[in-house]
């Protein structure tokens, strides 16, 4: 009888997608800080442009 690899007594082989450690699931800290800074700076710049166009449209 050919083996099907479903014998419950044999340990399972490593799967094609092994579990990643918790460190591999997280983004690097520097990347998170840079992303946050870019988001804040981008919103501030967009707010400044909005203010410029709002004030410029009043004249």
C-alpha atoms as a PDB file:
ATOM      1  CA  UNK A   1       0.000   0.000   0.000  1.00  0.00           C
ATOM      2  CA  UNK A   2       1.578   3.359  -0.965  1.00  0.00           C
ATOM      3  CA  UNK A   3       2.137   5.915   1.751  1.00  0.00           C
ATOM      4  CA  UNK A   4      -0.146   8.915   1.592  1.00  0.00           C
ATOM      5  CA  UNK A   5       1.640  10.943   4.247  1.00  0.00           C
ATOM      6  CA  UNK A   6      -1.385  10.966   6.531  1.00  0.00           C
ATOM      7  CA  UNK A   7      -0.044   8.632   9.212  1.00  0.00           C
ATOM      8  CA  UNK A   8      -0.982  10.280  12.551  1.00  0.00           C
ATOM      9  CA  UNK A   9       2.014   8.714  14.313  1.00  0.00           C
ATOM     10  CA  UNK A  10       4.577  10.374  12.035  1.00  0.00           C
ATOM     11  CA  UNK A  11       5.515  13.974  12.697  1.00  0.00           C
ATOM     12  CA  UNK A  12       4.383  16.449  10.090  1.00  0.00           C
ATOM     13  CA  UNK A  13       6.945  17.836   7.718  1.00  0.00           C
ATOM     14  CA  UNK A  14       7.521  21.554   7.567  1.00  0.00           C
ATOM     15  CA  UNK A  15       4.869  23.209   5.473  1.00  0.00           C
ATOM     16  CA  UNK A  16       5.641  25.424   2.508  1.00  0.00           C
ATOM     17  CA  UNK A  17       4.672  28.443   4.627  1.00  0.00           C
ATOM     18  CA  UNK A  18       6.301  28.103   8.028  1.00  0.00           C
ATOM     19  CA  UNK A  19       5.074  30.286  10.856  1.00  0.00           C
ATOM     20  CA  UNK A  20       6.903  33.574  11.011  1.00  0.00           C
ATOM     21  CA  UNK A  21       8.216  34.874  14.284  1.00  0.00           C
ATOM     22  CA  UNK A  22       6.563  37.920  15.820  1.00  0.00           C
ATOM     23  CA  UNK A  23       9.523  40.072  14.781  1.00  0.00           C
ATOM     24  CA  UNK A  24       9.029  39.228  11.094  1.00  0.00           C
ATOM     25  CA  UNK A  25       5.352  40.216  11.191  1.00  0.00           C
ATOM     26  CA  UNK A  26       6.088  43.760  12.405  1.00  0.00           C
ATOM     27  CA  UNK A  27       7.274  46.654  10.284  1.00  0.00           C
ATOM     28  CA  UNK A  28      10.714  48.025  11.164  1.00  0.00           C
ATOM     29  CA  UNK A  29      10.432  50.825  13.713  1.00  0.00           C
ATOM     30  CA  UNK A  30      12.224  53.361  11.502  1.00  0.00           C
ATOM     31  CA  UNK A  31       9.765  52.689   8.688  1.00  0.00           C
ATOM     32  CA  UNK A  32       6.772  53.232  10.966  1.00  0.00           C
ATOM     33  CA  UNK A  33       8.187  56.522  12.272  1.00  0.00           C
ATOM     34  CA  UNK A  34       9.011  57.733   8.750  1.00  0.00           C
ATOM     35  CA  UNK A  35       5.549  56.761   7.472  1.00  0.00           C
ATOM     36  CA  UNK A  36       3.882  58.607  10.353  1.00  0.00           C
ATOM     37  CA  UNK A  37       6.046  61.692   9.758  1.00  0.00           C
ATOM     38  CA  UNK A  38       5.215  61.667   6.024  1.00  0.00           C
ATOM     39  CA  UNK A  39       1.506  61.352   6.778  1.00  0.00           C
ATOM     40  CA  UNK A  40       1.586  64.256   9.227  1.00  0.00           C
ATOM     41  CA  UNK A  41       3.691  66.413   6.899  1.00  0.00           C
ATOM     42  CA  UNK A  42       1.450  65.587   3.938  1.00  0.00           C
ATOM     43  CA  UNK A  43      -1.689  66.560   5.841  1.00  0.00           C
ATOM     44  CA  UNK A  44      -0.105  69.782   7.056  1.00  0.00           C
ATOM     45  CA  UNK A  45       0.932  70.662   3.498  1.00  0.00           C
ATOM     46  CA  UNK A  46      -2.563  69.839   2.187  1.00  0.00           C
ATOM     47  CA  UNK A  47      -4.096  72.001   4.915  1.00  0.00           C
ATOM     48  CA  UNK A  48      -1.762  74.875   4.014  1.00  0.00           C
ATOM     49  CA  UNK A  49      -2.731  74.614   0.336  1.00  0.00           C
ATOM     50  CA  UNK A  50      -6.403  74.522   1.278  1.00  0.00           C
ATOM     51  CA  UNK A  51      -5.908  77.644   3.399  1.00  0.00           C
ATOM     52  CA  UNK A  52      -4.107  79.404   0.537  1.00  0.00           C
ATOM     53  CA  UNK A  53      -6.856  78.632  -1.970  1.00  0.00           C
ATOM     54  CA  UNK A  54      -9.596  79.530   0.536  1.00  0.00           C
ATOM     55  CA  UNK A  55      -8.027  82.886   1.362  1.00  0.00           C
ATOM     56  CA  UNK A  56      -7.112  83.534  -2.273  1.00  0.00           C
ATOM     57  CA  UNK A  57     -10.680  82.858  -3.414  1.00  0.00           C
ATOM     58  CA  UNK A  58     -12.112  85.484  -1.063  1.00  0.00           C
ATOM     59  CA  UNK A  59     -10.529  88.442  -2.880  1.00  0.00           C
END
